[in-house]
Amino acid sequence: MAHKIMVGCQKGGVGKSSTAVILSEILAASGSKVLVLDLDSQGNATQMLTQKSIYTYSGNTMLEAVMERNPEKYLIHPKENIDLIPADDMLVTFSRYIYKEKVSNPVKALGSAIRTIENNYDYIIMDCPPNLGDLVLNAIVYSDYIIIPIHPDGFGSDALDRFVSNIEDAKENGHTKAEILGILFTMRDTRNVLERTLGKNIRDRYGDLVFSTEIKRRAKIKEFAFTGTRMEKKSEIDTLSDYIDLAKEVITRIDRR
């Protein structure tokens, strides 16, 4: 049975797509079968994995997979052990679809579609948009675990508290049993006094919910978004060392559940 992991936070620019894609690639490189669901109409995960324009896949995306409840038809295979259901900007019409078509249980539209193929995978990784809309709620409901990437600045801290509150509300209302697998500090600059202070405050508030692993700010990671992730040279593996540690910590945390 697949471990279903949502990567999300309503604050933009915190490395959600990079985290979702690189984590997926590291898990796949270890032999796990991974399905990546691009739930963001910006299509960053799609571009990172395929190195193609999101419009290459117009009409063959996550939106159609959910509407037809036939995700297998829309799978693409960008890398060994990775399948992807891509996104393009038409995914912004998801809310219109679930309400206009009077989907019987709108918060479960995503899960109803993907469950038909989920047993083919070890992990299902969802890259979510930076908001609290219907797609994000669908991902919360479908997930087993949630990773919350956050850049520890003042804006990020407020977004984190609100996102955690929304997850707890969904659980209290009986919509999901998802657990927060961890809060992940991204784009860290440990020389920055404000970041260190705010990071400590978040750790003090959330304790063990915060991953021990922190993703340091590296120019090469941003470059990978445009060139594709590479894990061949020692320098490339060194660049990904934080994500490799994150993958190990994710596996350990899941095993302890």
C-alpha atoms as a PDB file:
ATOM      1  CA  MET A   1       0.000   0.000   0.000  1.00  0.00           C
ATOM      2  CA  ALA A   2       1.322   3.419  -0.948  1.00  0.00           C
ATOM      3  CA  HIS A   3       2.370   6.011   1.600  1.00  0.00           C
ATOM      4  CA  LYS A   4       0.525   9.153   0.500  1.00  0.00           C
ATOM      5  CA  ILE A   5       2.503  12.294   1.288  1.00  0.00           C
ATOM      6  CA  MET A   6       1.301  15.822   0.684  1.00  0.00           C
ATOM      7  CA  VAL A   7       3.878  18.624   0.437  1.00  0.00           C
ATOM      8  CA  GLY A   8       2.102  21.884   1.132  1.00  0.00           C
ATOM      9  CA  CYS A   9       1.854  25.272   2.784  1.00  0.00           C
ATOM     10  CA  GLN A  10      -0.188  28.268   1.692  1.00  0.00           C
ATOM     11  CA  LYS A  11       2.919  30.479   1.691  1.00  0.00           C
ATOM     12  CA  GLY A  12       4.507  30.640  -1.757  1.00  0.00           C
ATOM     13  CA  GLY A  13       8.223  30.564  -2.473  1.00  0.00           C
ATOM     14  CA  VAL A  14       9.173  28.138   0.291  1.00  0.00           C
ATOM     15  CA  GLY A  15      10.477  25.289  -1.871  1.00  0.00           C
ATOM     16  CA  LYS A  16       7.415  23.041  -2.022  1.00  0.00           C
ATOM     17  CA  SER A  17       7.985  21.883  -5.587  1.00  0.00           C
ATOM     18  CA  SER A  18      11.715  21.372  -5.125  1.00  0.00           C
ATOM     19  CA  THR A  19      11.035  19.370  -1.974  1.00  0.00           C
ATOM     20  CA  ALA A  20       8.327  17.227  -3.585  1.00  0.00           C
ATOM     21  CA  VAL A  21      10.333  16.519  -6.738  1.00  0.00           C
ATOM     22  CA  ILE A  22      13.766  15.922  -5.214  1.00  0.00           C
ATOM     23  CA  LEU A  23      12.326  13.775  -2.412  1.00  0.00           C
ATOM     24  CA  SER A  24      10.513  11.726  -5.066  1.00  0.00           C
ATOM     25  CA  GLU A  25      13.695  11.330  -7.091  1.00  0.00           C
ATOM     26  CA  ILE A  26      15.741  10.193  -4.106  1.00  0.00           C
ATOM     27  CA  LEU A  27      13.091   7.654  -3.078  1.00  0.00           C
ATOM     28  CA  ALA A  28      12.932   6.413  -6.676  1.00  0.00           C
ATOM     29  CA  ALA A  29      16.716   6.144  -6.886  1.00  0.00           C
ATOM     30  CA  SER A  30      16.609   3.819  -3.868  1.00  0.00           C
ATOM     31  CA  GLY A  31      14.269   1.477  -5.757  1.00  0.00           C
ATOM     32  CA  SER A  32      10.865   2.682  -4.578  1.00  0.00           C
ATOM     33  CA  LYS A  33       8.060   3.147  -7.096  1.00  0.00           C
ATOM     34  CA  VAL A  34       6.818   6.737  -6.840  1.00  0.00           C
ATOM     35  CA  LEU A  35       3.792   8.553  -8.244  1.00  0.00           C
ATOM     36  CA  VAL A  36       4.026  12.346  -8.329  1.00  0.00           C
ATOM     37  CA  LEU A  37       0.758  14.278  -8.471  1.00  0.00           C
ATOM     38  CA  ASP A  38       1.206  17.852  -9.642  1.00  0.00           C
ATOM     39  CA  LEU A  39      -1.681  19.685  -7.989  1.00  0.00           C
ATOM     40  CA  ASP A  40      -0.369  23.186  -8.696  1.00  0.00           C
ATOM     41  CA  SER A  41      -1.602  24.990 -11.806  1.00  0.00           C
ATOM     42  CA  GLN A  42       1.848  26.590 -12.120  1.00  0.00           C
ATOM     43  CA  GLY A  43       3.122  23.125 -13.032  1.00  0.00           C
ATOM     44  CA  ASN A  44       6.540  23.523 -11.429  1.00  0.00           C
ATOM     45  CA  ALA A  45       6.814  19.844 -10.540  1.00  0.00           C
ATOM     46  CA  THR A  46       5.840  18.931 -14.099  1.00  0.00           C
ATOM     47  CA  GLN A  47       8.531  21.192 -15.542  1.00  0.00           C
ATOM     48  CA  MET A  48      11.199  19.993 -13.113  1.00  0.00           C
ATOM     49  CA  LEU A  49      10.577  16.332 -13.852  1.00  0.00           C
ATOM     50  CA  THR A  50      10.007  16.530 -17.603  1.00  0.00           C
ATOM     51  CA  GLN A  51      12.054  19.586 -18.607  1.00  0.00           C
ATOM     52  CA  LYS A  52       9.168  20.477 -20.920  1.00  0.00           C
ATOM     53  CA  SER A  53       6.586  23.248 -21.051  1.00  0.00           C
ATOM     54  CA  ILE A  54       3.454  22.482 -19.065  1.00  0.00           C
ATOM     55  CA  TYR A  55       1.457  23.157 -22.232  1.00  0.00           C
ATOM     56  CA  THR A  56       2.970  20.024 -23.750  1.00  0.00           C
ATOM     57  CA  TYR A  57       0.418  18.163 -21.619  1.00  0.00           C
ATOM     58  CA  SER A  58      -2.640  20.392 -22.071  1.00  0.00           C
ATOM     59  CA  GLY A  59      -5.761  18.224 -22.147  1.00  0.00           C
ATOM     60  CA  ASN A  60      -3.864  15.340 -20.544  1.00  0.00           C
ATOM     61  CA  THR A  61      -3.439  16.516 -16.984  1.00  0.00           C
ATOM     62  CA  MET A  62      -4.515  16.059 -13.414  1.00  0.00           C
ATOM     63  CA  LEU A  63      -7.759  17.888 -14.151  1.00  0.00           C
ATOM     64  CA  GLU A  64      -8.807  15.339 -16.793  1.00  0.00           C
ATOM     65  CA  ALA A  65      -7.630  12.451 -14.598  1.00  0.00           C
ATOM     66  CA  VAL A  66      -9.976  13.563 -11.813  1.00  0.00           C
ATOM     67  CA  MET A  67     -12.866  14.441 -14.117  1.00  0.00           C
ATOM     68  CA  GLU A  68     -12.759  11.053 -15.842  1.00  0.00           C
ATOM     69  CA  ARG A  69     -11.678   9.083 -12.753  1.00  0.00           C
ATOM     70  CA  ASN A  70      -9.173   7.413 -15.036  1.00  0.00           C
ATOM     71  CA  PRO A  71      -5.697   8.469 -13.877  1.00  0.00           C
ATOM     72  CA  GLU A  72      -3.857   5.630 -15.603  1.00  0.00           C
ATOM     73  CA  LYS A  73      -4.665   7.197 -18.964  1.00  0.00           C
ATOM     74  CA  TYR A  74      -2.784  10.363 -17.969  1.00  0.00           C
ATOM     75  CA  LEU A  75       0.374   8.878 -16.481  1.00  0.00           C
ATOM     76  CA  ILE A  76       3.698   9.880 -17.974  1.00  0.00           C
ATOM     77  CA  HIS A  77       7.051   8.313 -17.114  1.00  0.00           C
ATOM     78  CA  PRO A  78       9.715  11.029 -16.834  1.00  0.00           C
ATOM     79  CA  LYS A  79      12.308   8.961 -14.967  1.00  0.00           C
ATOM     80  CA  GLU A  80      12.991   5.440 -13.816  1.00  0.00           C
ATOM     81  CA  ASN A  81      10.611   4.411 -11.010  1.00  0.00           C
ATOM     82  CA  ILE A  82       8.682   7.700 -11.272  1.00  0.00           C
ATOM     83  CA  ASP A  83       5.258   8.238 -12.786  1.00  0.00           C
ATOM     84  CA  LEU A  84       3.760  11.700 -13.009  1.00  0.00           C
ATOM     85  CA  ILE A  85       0.304  13.102 -13.590  1.00  0.00           C
ATOM     86  CA  PRO A  86       1.137  16.575 -14.899  1.00  0.00           C
ATOM     87  CA  ALA A  87      -0.570  19.920 -14.439  1.00  0.00           C
ATOM     88  CA  ASP A  88      -1.162  23.003 -16.518  1.00  0.00           C
ATOM     89  CA  ASP A  89      -2.903  26.290 -15.770  1.00  0.00           C
ATOM     90  CA  MET A  90      -6.373  24.867 -16.484  1.00  0.00           C
ATOM     91  CA  LEU A  91      -6.144  23.137 -13.111  1.00  0.00           C
ATOM     92  CA  VAL A  92      -7.413  26.416 -11.636  1.00  0.00           C
ATOM     93  CA  THR A  93     -10.864  25.313 -12.852  1.00  0.00           C
ATOM     94  CA  PHE A  94     -10.898  22.337 -10.456  1.00  0.00           C
ATOM     95  CA  SER A  95     -13.268  24.077  -8.023  1.00  0.00           C
ATOM     96  CA  ARG A  96     -15.648  25.003 -10.822  1.00  0.00           C
ATOM     97  CA  TYR A  97     -15.702  21.369 -11.920  1.00  0.00           C
ATOM     98  CA  ILE A  98     -16.461  19.797  -8.534  1.00  0.00           C
ATOM     99  CA  TYR A  99     -19.309  22.196  -7.779  1.00  0.00           C
ATOM    100  CA  LYS A 100     -20.755  22.688 -11.258  1.00  0.00           C
ATOM    101  CA  GLU A 101     -20.862  18.935 -11.798  1.00  0.00           C
ATOM    102  CA  LYS A 102     -22.193  18.447  -8.269  1.00  0.00           C
ATOM    103  CA  VAL A 103     -19.565  15.869  -7.363  1.00  0.00           C
ATOM    104  CA  SER A 104     -21.110  13.839  -4.558  1.00  0.00           C
ATOM    105  CA  ASN A 105     -18.274  14.394  -2.087  1.00  0.00           C
ATOM    106  CA  PRO A 106     -16.153  17.317  -3.320  1.00  0.00           C
ATOM    107  CA  VAL A 107     -13.377  16.920  -0.732  1.00  0.00           C
ATOM    108  CA  LYS A 108     -12.794  13.346  -1.919  1.00  0.00           C
ATOM    109  CA  ALA A 109     -12.729  13.951  -5.676  1.00  0.00           C
ATOM    110  CA  LEU A 110      -8.944  13.535  -5.868  1.00  0.00           C
ATOM    111  CA  GLY A 111      -8.844  10.420  -3.726  1.00  0.00           C
ATOM    112  CA  SER A 112     -11.719   8.782  -5.591  1.00  0.00           C
ATOM    113  CA  ALA A 113      -9.750   9.065  -8.817  1.00  0.00           C
ATOM    114  CA  ILE A 114      -6.271   8.122  -7.625  1.00  0.00           C
ATOM    115  CA  ARG A 115      -7.330   5.149  -5.486  1.00  0.00           C
ATOM    116  CA  THR A 116      -7.762   3.114  -8.648  1.00  0.00           C
ATOM    117  CA  ILE A 117      -3.965   3.052  -9.163  1.00  0.00           C
ATOM    118  CA  GLU A 118      -2.486   3.782  -5.733  1.00  0.00           C
ATOM    119  CA  ASN A 119      -1.547   0.182  -4.989  1.00  0.00           C
ATOM    120  CA  ASN A 120       0.957   0.265  -7.863  1.00  0.00           C
ATOM    121  CA  TYR A 121       3.243   2.540  -5.852  1.00  0.00           C
ATOM    122  CA  ASP A 122       5.298   2.678  -2.683  1.00  0.00           C
ATOM    123  CA  TYR A 123       4.907   6.444  -2.371  1.00  0.00           C
ATOM    124  CA  ILE A 124       2.491   9.013  -3.749  1.00  0.00           C
ATOM    125  CA  ILE A 125       3.904  12.523  -3.455  1.00  0.00           C
ATOM    126  CA  MET A 126       1.596  15.511  -3.955  1.00  0.00           C
ATOM    127  CA  ASP A 127       2.957  18.946  -4.829  1.00  0.00           C
ATOM    128  CA  CYS A 128       0.300  21.435  -3.735  1.00  0.00           C
ATOM    129  CA  PRO A 129      -0.453  25.058  -4.630  1.00  0.00           C
ATOM    130  CA  PRO A 130       0.261  27.884  -2.165  1.00  0.00           C
ATOM    131  CA  ASN A 131      -3.293  28.390  -0.941  1.00  0.00           C
ATOM    132  CA  LEU A 132      -6.042  26.815   1.149  1.00  0.00           C
ATOM    133  CA  GLY A 133      -8.401  26.042  -1.735  1.00  0.00           C
ATOM    134  CA  ASP A 134     -10.310  22.957  -2.803  1.00  0.00           C
ATOM    135  CA  LEU A 135      -7.321  21.112  -4.284  1.00  0.00           C
ATOM    136  CA  VAL A 136      -5.349  21.554  -1.081  1.00  0.00           C
ATOM    137  CA  LEU A 137      -8.293  20.336   1.002  1.00  0.00           C
ATOM    138  CA  ASN A 138      -8.615  17.323  -1.315  1.00  0.00           C
ATOM    139  CA  ALA A 139      -4.918  16.593  -0.788  1.00  0.00           C
ATOM    140  CA  ILE A 140      -5.274  16.885   2.995  1.00  0.00           C
ATOM    141  CA  VAL A 141      -8.216  14.480   2.928  1.00  0.00           C
ATOM    142  CA  TYR A 142      -6.422  11.960   0.686  1.00  0.00           C
ATOM    143  CA  SER A 143      -3.039  12.069   2.421  1.00  0.00           C
ATOM    144  CA  ASP A 144      -1.627   9.823   5.080  1.00  0.00           C
ATOM    145  CA  TYR A 145       1.142  12.286   5.912  1.00  0.00           C
ATOM    146  CA  ILE A 146       1.842  15.970   5.403  1.00  0.00           C
ATOM    147  CA  ILE A 147       5.192  17.686   5.000  1.00  0.00           C
ATOM    148  CA  ILE A 148       5.073  21.451   5.541  1.00  0.00           C
ATOM    149  CA  PRO A 149       8.045  23.297   4.015  1.00  0.00           C
ATOM    150  CA  ILE A 150       8.584  26.705   5.542  1.00  0.00           C
ATOM    151  CA  HIS A 151      11.158  29.443   5.328  1.00  0.00           C
ATOM    152  CA  PRO A 152      11.538  30.661   8.920  1.00  0.00           C
ATOM    153  CA  ASP A 153      10.779  34.340   8.476  1.00  0.00           C
ATOM    154  CA  GLY A 154       7.904  36.319   9.963  1.00  0.00           C
ATOM    155  CA  PHE A 155       5.519  35.700   7.063  1.00  0.00           C
ATOM    156  CA  GLY A 156       6.334  32.012   6.986  1.00  0.00           C
ATOM    157  CA  SER A 157       5.662  31.611  10.683  1.00  0.00           C
ATOM    158  CA  ASP A 158       2.148  33.051  10.383  1.00  0.00           C
ATOM    159  CA  ALA A 159       1.403  30.872   7.347  1.00  0.00           C
ATOM    160  CA  LEU A 160       2.590  27.792   9.219  1.00  0.00           C
ATOM    161  CA  ASP A 161       0.250  28.372  12.160  1.00  0.00           C
ATOM    162  CA  ARG A 162      -2.733  28.875   9.860  1.00  0.00           C
ATOM    163  CA  PHE A 163      -1.936  25.793   7.789  1.00  0.00           C
ATOM    164  CA  VAL A 164      -1.562  23.583  10.862  1.00  0.00           C
ATOM    165  CA  SER A 165      -4.883  24.944  12.155  1.00  0.00           C
ATOM    166  CA  ASN A 166      -6.617  24.007   8.909  1.00  0.00           C
ATOM    167  CA  ILE A 167      -5.233  20.467   9.076  1.00  0.00           C
ATOM    168  CA  GLU A 168      -6.498  20.107  12.642  1.00  0.00           C
ATOM    169  CA  ASP A 169      -9.925  21.440  11.620  1.00  0.00           C
ATOM    170  CA  ALA A 170     -10.129  18.849   8.832  1.00  0.00           C
ATOM    171  CA  LYS A 171      -9.265  16.090  11.301  1.00  0.00           C
ATOM    172  CA  GLU A 172     -11.795  17.284  13.873  1.00  0.00           C
ATOM    173  CA  ASN A 173     -14.498  17.370  11.198  1.00  0.00           C
ATOM    174  CA  GLY A 174     -13.732  13.767  10.300  1.00  0.00           C
ATOM    175  CA  HIS A 175     -12.508  14.553   6.797  1.00  0.00           C
ATOM    176  CA  THR A 176      -9.002  13.111   7.217  1.00  0.00           C
ATOM    177  CA  LYS A 177      -6.742  10.998   9.378  1.00  0.00           C
ATOM    178  CA  ALA A 178      -3.613  12.588   7.935  1.00  0.00           C
ATOM    179  CA  GLU A 179      -0.737  13.256  10.287  1.00  0.00           C
ATOM    180  CA  ILE A 180       1.815  16.021  10.036  1.00  0.00           C
ATOM    181  CA  LEU A 181       4.945  14.053   9.241  1.00  0.00           C
ATOM    182  CA  GLY A 182       7.102  17.101   9.807  1.00  0.00           C
ATOM    183  CA  ILE A 183       7.701  20.819   9.404  1.00  0.00           C
ATOM    184  CA  LEU A 184      10.680  21.366   7.134  1.00  0.00           C
ATOM    185  CA  PHE A 185      12.902  24.445   7.248  1.00  0.00           C
ATOM    186  CA  THR A 186      13.941  25.332   3.700  1.00  0.00           C
ATOM    187  CA  MET A 187      16.312  27.831   2.068  1.00  0.00           C
ATOM    188  CA  ARG A 188      18.113  28.181   5.390  1.00  0.00           C
ATOM    189  CA  ASP A 189      20.793  30.781   5.895  1.00  0.00           C
ATOM    190  CA  THR A 190      22.098  30.017   9.364  1.00  0.00           C
ATOM    191  CA  ARG A 191      24.177  33.204   9.326  1.00  0.00           C
ATOM    192  CA  ASN A 192      20.982  35.254   9.402  1.00  0.00           C
ATOM    193  CA  VAL A 193      20.208  36.215  12.998  1.00  0.00           C
ATOM    194  CA  LEU A 194      16.477  36.714  12.351  1.00  0.00           C
ATOM    195  CA  GLU A 195      16.178  33.282  10.725  1.00  0.00           C
ATOM    196  CA  ARG A 196      17.951  31.647  13.639  1.00  0.00           C
ATOM    197  CA  THR A 197      15.676  33.373  16.135  1.00  0.00           C
ATOM    198  CA  LEU A 198      12.459  32.592  14.290  1.00  0.00           C
ATOM    199  CA  GLY A 199      13.594  29.037  13.616  1.00  0.00           C
ATOM    200  CA  LYS A 200      14.202  28.530  17.330  1.00  0.00           C
ATOM    201  CA  ASN A 201      10.762  29.958  18.118  1.00  0.00           C
ATOM    202  CA  ILE A 202       9.118  27.501  15.709  1.00  0.00           C
ATOM    203  CA  ARG A 203      11.065  24.593  17.167  1.00  0.00           C
ATOM    204  CA  ASP A 204      10.059  25.668  20.666  1.00  0.00           C
ATOM    205  CA  ARG A 205       6.365  25.798  19.652  1.00  0.00           C
ATOM    206  CA  TYR A 206       6.201  22.617  17.580  1.00  0.00           C
ATOM    207  CA  GLY A 207       8.926  20.485  19.144  1.00  0.00           C
ATOM    208  CA  ASP A 208       9.462  17.107  17.497  1.00  0.00           C
ATOM    209  CA  LEU A 209       7.088  17.989  14.666  1.00  0.00           C
ATOM    210  CA  VAL A 210       9.981  19.942  13.137  1.00  0.00           C
ATOM    211  CA  PHE A 211      12.336  17.787  11.076  1.00  0.00           C
ATOM    212  CA  SER A 212      15.904  17.597  12.350  1.00  0.00           C
ATOM    213  CA  THR A 213      16.979  17.993   8.729  1.00  0.00           C
ATOM    214  CA  GLU A 214      17.115  21.539   7.371  1.00  0.00           C
ATOM    215  CA  ILE A 215      17.449  22.414   3.687  1.00  0.00           C
ATOM    216  CA  LYS A 216      20.194  24.983   3.257  1.00  0.00           C
ATOM    217  CA  ARG A 217      19.996  27.645   0.583  1.00  0.00           C
ATOM    218  CA  ARG A 218      22.075  26.514  -2.408  1.00  0.00           C
ATOM    219  CA  ALA A 219      22.233  28.125  -5.838  1.00  0.00           C
ATOM    220  CA  LYS A 220      22.592  24.696  -7.463  1.00  0.00           C
ATOM    221  CA  ILE A 221      19.157  23.618  -6.216  1.00  0.00           C
ATOM    222  CA  LYS A 222      17.533  26.516  -8.034  1.00  0.00           C
ATOM    223  CA  GLU A 223      19.524  25.545 -11.132  1.00  0.00           C
ATOM    224  CA  PHE A 224      18.141  22.000 -10.948  1.00  0.00           C
ATOM    225  CA  ALA A 225      14.650  23.449 -11.438  1.00  0.00           C
ATOM    226  CA  PHE A 226      15.694  24.407 -14.963  1.00  0.00           C
ATOM    227  CA  THR A 227      18.158  21.648 -15.822  1.00  0.00           C
ATOM    228  CA  GLY A 228      16.640  18.679 -13.993  1.00  0.00           C
ATOM    229  CA  THR A 229      18.048  17.032 -10.905  1.00  0.00           C
ATOM    230  CA  ARG A 230      21.282  15.144 -11.421  1.00  0.00           C
ATOM    231  CA  MET A 231      22.824  12.625  -9.023  1.00  0.00           C
ATOM    232  CA  GLU A 232      25.841  11.418 -10.956  1.00  0.00           C
ATOM    233  CA  LYS A 233      28.839  13.488  -9.858  1.00  0.00           C
ATOM    234  CA  LYS A 234      30.048  13.766  -6.276  1.00  0.00           C
ATOM    235  CA  SER A 235      29.434  17.527  -6.363  1.00  0.00           C
ATOM    236  CA  GLU A 236      25.798  16.921  -7.356  1.00  0.00           C
ATOM    237  CA  ILE A 237      25.290  14.381  -4.593  1.00  0.00           C
ATOM    238  CA  ASP A 238      26.861  16.812  -2.121  1.00  0.00           C
ATOM    239  CA  THR A 239      24.414  19.480  -3.274  1.00  0.00           C
ATOM    240  CA  LEU A 240      21.533  17.113  -2.527  1.00  0.00           C
ATOM    241  CA  SER A 241      22.889  15.946   0.832  1.00  0.00           C
ATOM    242  CA  ASP A 242      20.182  17.760   2.825  1.00  0.00           C
ATOM    243  CA  TYR A 243      17.451  16.147   0.725  1.00  0.00           C
ATOM    244  CA  ILE A 244      19.097  12.743   1.096  1.00  0.00           C
ATOM    245  CA  ASP A 245      19.010  13.244   4.868  1.00  0.00           C
ATOM    246  CA  LEU A 246      15.379  14.338   4.589  1.00  0.00           C
ATOM    247  CA  ALA A 247      14.461  11.162   2.702  1.00  0.00           C
ATOM    248  CA  LYS A 248      16.063   9.064   5.436  1.00  0.00           C
ATOM    249  CA  GLU A 249      14.190  10.992   8.111  1.00  0.00           C
ATOM    250  CA  VAL A 250      10.894  10.662   6.235  1.00  0.00           C
ATOM    251  CA  ILE A 251      11.319   6.894   5.984  1.00  0.00           C
ATOM    252  CA  THR A 252      12.250   6.654   9.673  1.00  0.00           C
ATOM    253  CA  ARG A 253       9.273   8.708  10.765  1.00  0.00           C
ATOM    254  CA  ILE A 254       6.857   6.660   8.667  1.00  0.00           C
ATOM    255  CA  ASP A 255       8.325   3.405   9.998  1.00  0.00           C
ATOM    256  CA  ARG A 256       7.723   4.612  13.555  1.00  0.00           C
ATOM    257  CA  ARG A 257       4.008   5.232  12.925  1.00  0.00           C
END
